[in-house]
Amino acid sequence: RDLPADVLEALSDDLATYAAFQRLTQLAGEAVEFTGAGENAAAASLKAALAFLGFDVGAAKVDEEAIA
């Protein structure tokens, strides 16, 4: 999945970095609310954007014992 154009556009303008992170937050919300069948486009876009920013988007796992 490609980086969402609106995220890239906002990141291209240093003063719009906040707007880019607002869009990431919106994508995260849409990904969580997804209940349909097939590909979760919001999750795929969020993953692409986070990878572009340098986040490790591999299969992250929560250590339940560590947070208990």
Protein backbone atom coordinates (compact mmCIF):
# COMPACT_ATOMS: atom_id res chain seq x y z
CA ARG A 1 0.00 0.00 0.00
CA ASP A 2 1.27 3.45 -0.86
CA LEU A 3 1.77 6.32 1.53
CA PRO A 4 -1.45 8.38 1.68
CA ALA A 5 -1.00 11.54 -0.42
CA ASP A 6 -2.52 13.79 2.25
CA VAL A 7 0.01 12.57 4.82
CA LEU A 8 2.94 13.12 2.45
CA GLU A 9 1.66 16.57 1.49
CA ALA A 10 1.36 17.62 5.14
CA LEU A 11 4.82 16.27 5.96
CA SER A 12 6.30 18.17 3.02
CA ASP A 13 5.41 21.41 4.79
CA ASP A 14 7.19 21.63 8.15
CA LEU A 15 4.39 23.79 9.51
CA ALA A 16 1.82 21.11 8.66
CA THR A 17 3.47 18.26 10.56
CA TYR A 18 0.67 18.48 13.12
CA ALA A 19 -1.86 17.95 10.30
CA ALA A 20 0.00 14.82 9.23
CA PHE A 21 -0.21 13.38 12.72
CA GLN A 22 -3.89 14.30 12.91
CA ARG A 23 -4.42 12.24 9.74
CA LEU A 24 -2.47 9.33 11.24
CA THR A 25 -4.74 9.48 14.28
CA GLN A 26 -7.79 9.49 11.99
CA LEU A 27 -6.47 6.48 10.06
CA ALA A 28 -5.87 4.63 13.33
CA GLY A 29 -9.45 5.27 14.39
CA GLU A 30 -10.80 4.10 11.04
CA ALA A 31 -8.63 0.98 11.19
CA VAL A 32 -9.92 0.08 14.65
CA GLU A 33 -13.55 0.63 13.65
CA PHE A 34 -13.26 -1.49 10.47
CA THR A 35 -15.76 -4.35 10.51
CA GLY A 36 -16.03 -5.22 6.83
CA ALA A 37 -14.65 -8.13 4.92
CA GLY A 38 -11.49 -7.91 2.87
CA GLU A 39 -8.61 -5.49 3.19
CA ASN A 40 -8.72 -2.83 5.87
CA ALA A 41 -7.62 0.10 3.69
CA ALA A 42 -7.18 2.45 6.65
CA ALA A 43 -4.90 -0.03 8.42
CA ALA A 44 -2.86 -0.53 5.25
CA SER A 45 -2.51 3.23 4.76
CA LEU A 46 -1.55 3.73 8.40
CA LYS A 47 1.06 0.99 8.14
CA ALA A 48 2.54 2.58 5.00
CA ALA A 49 2.67 6.01 6.63
CA LEU A 50 4.30 4.69 9.80
CA ALA A 51 6.86 2.73 7.78
CA PHE A 52 7.65 5.91 5.83
CA LEU A 53 8.26 7.70 9.14
CA GLY A 54 10.68 4.98 10.22
CA PHE A 55 8.50 3.04 12.62
CA ASP A 56 9.00 -0.73 12.76
CA VAL A 57 5.62 -1.94 11.56
CA GLY A 58 6.41 -5.62 11.84
CA ALA A 59 4.25 -7.96 13.84
CA ALA A 60 4.28 -6.11 17.13
CA LYS A 61 3.27 -8.11 20.16
CA VAL A 62 2.25 -6.88 23.57
CA ASP A 63 3.97 -8.54 26.50
CA GLU A 64 0.89 -9.05 28.67
CA GLU A 65 3.00 -10.12 31.67
CA ALA A 66 5.09 -6.96 31.51
CA ILE A 67 2.05 -4.71 31.73
CA ALA A 68 0.14 -6.74 34.31
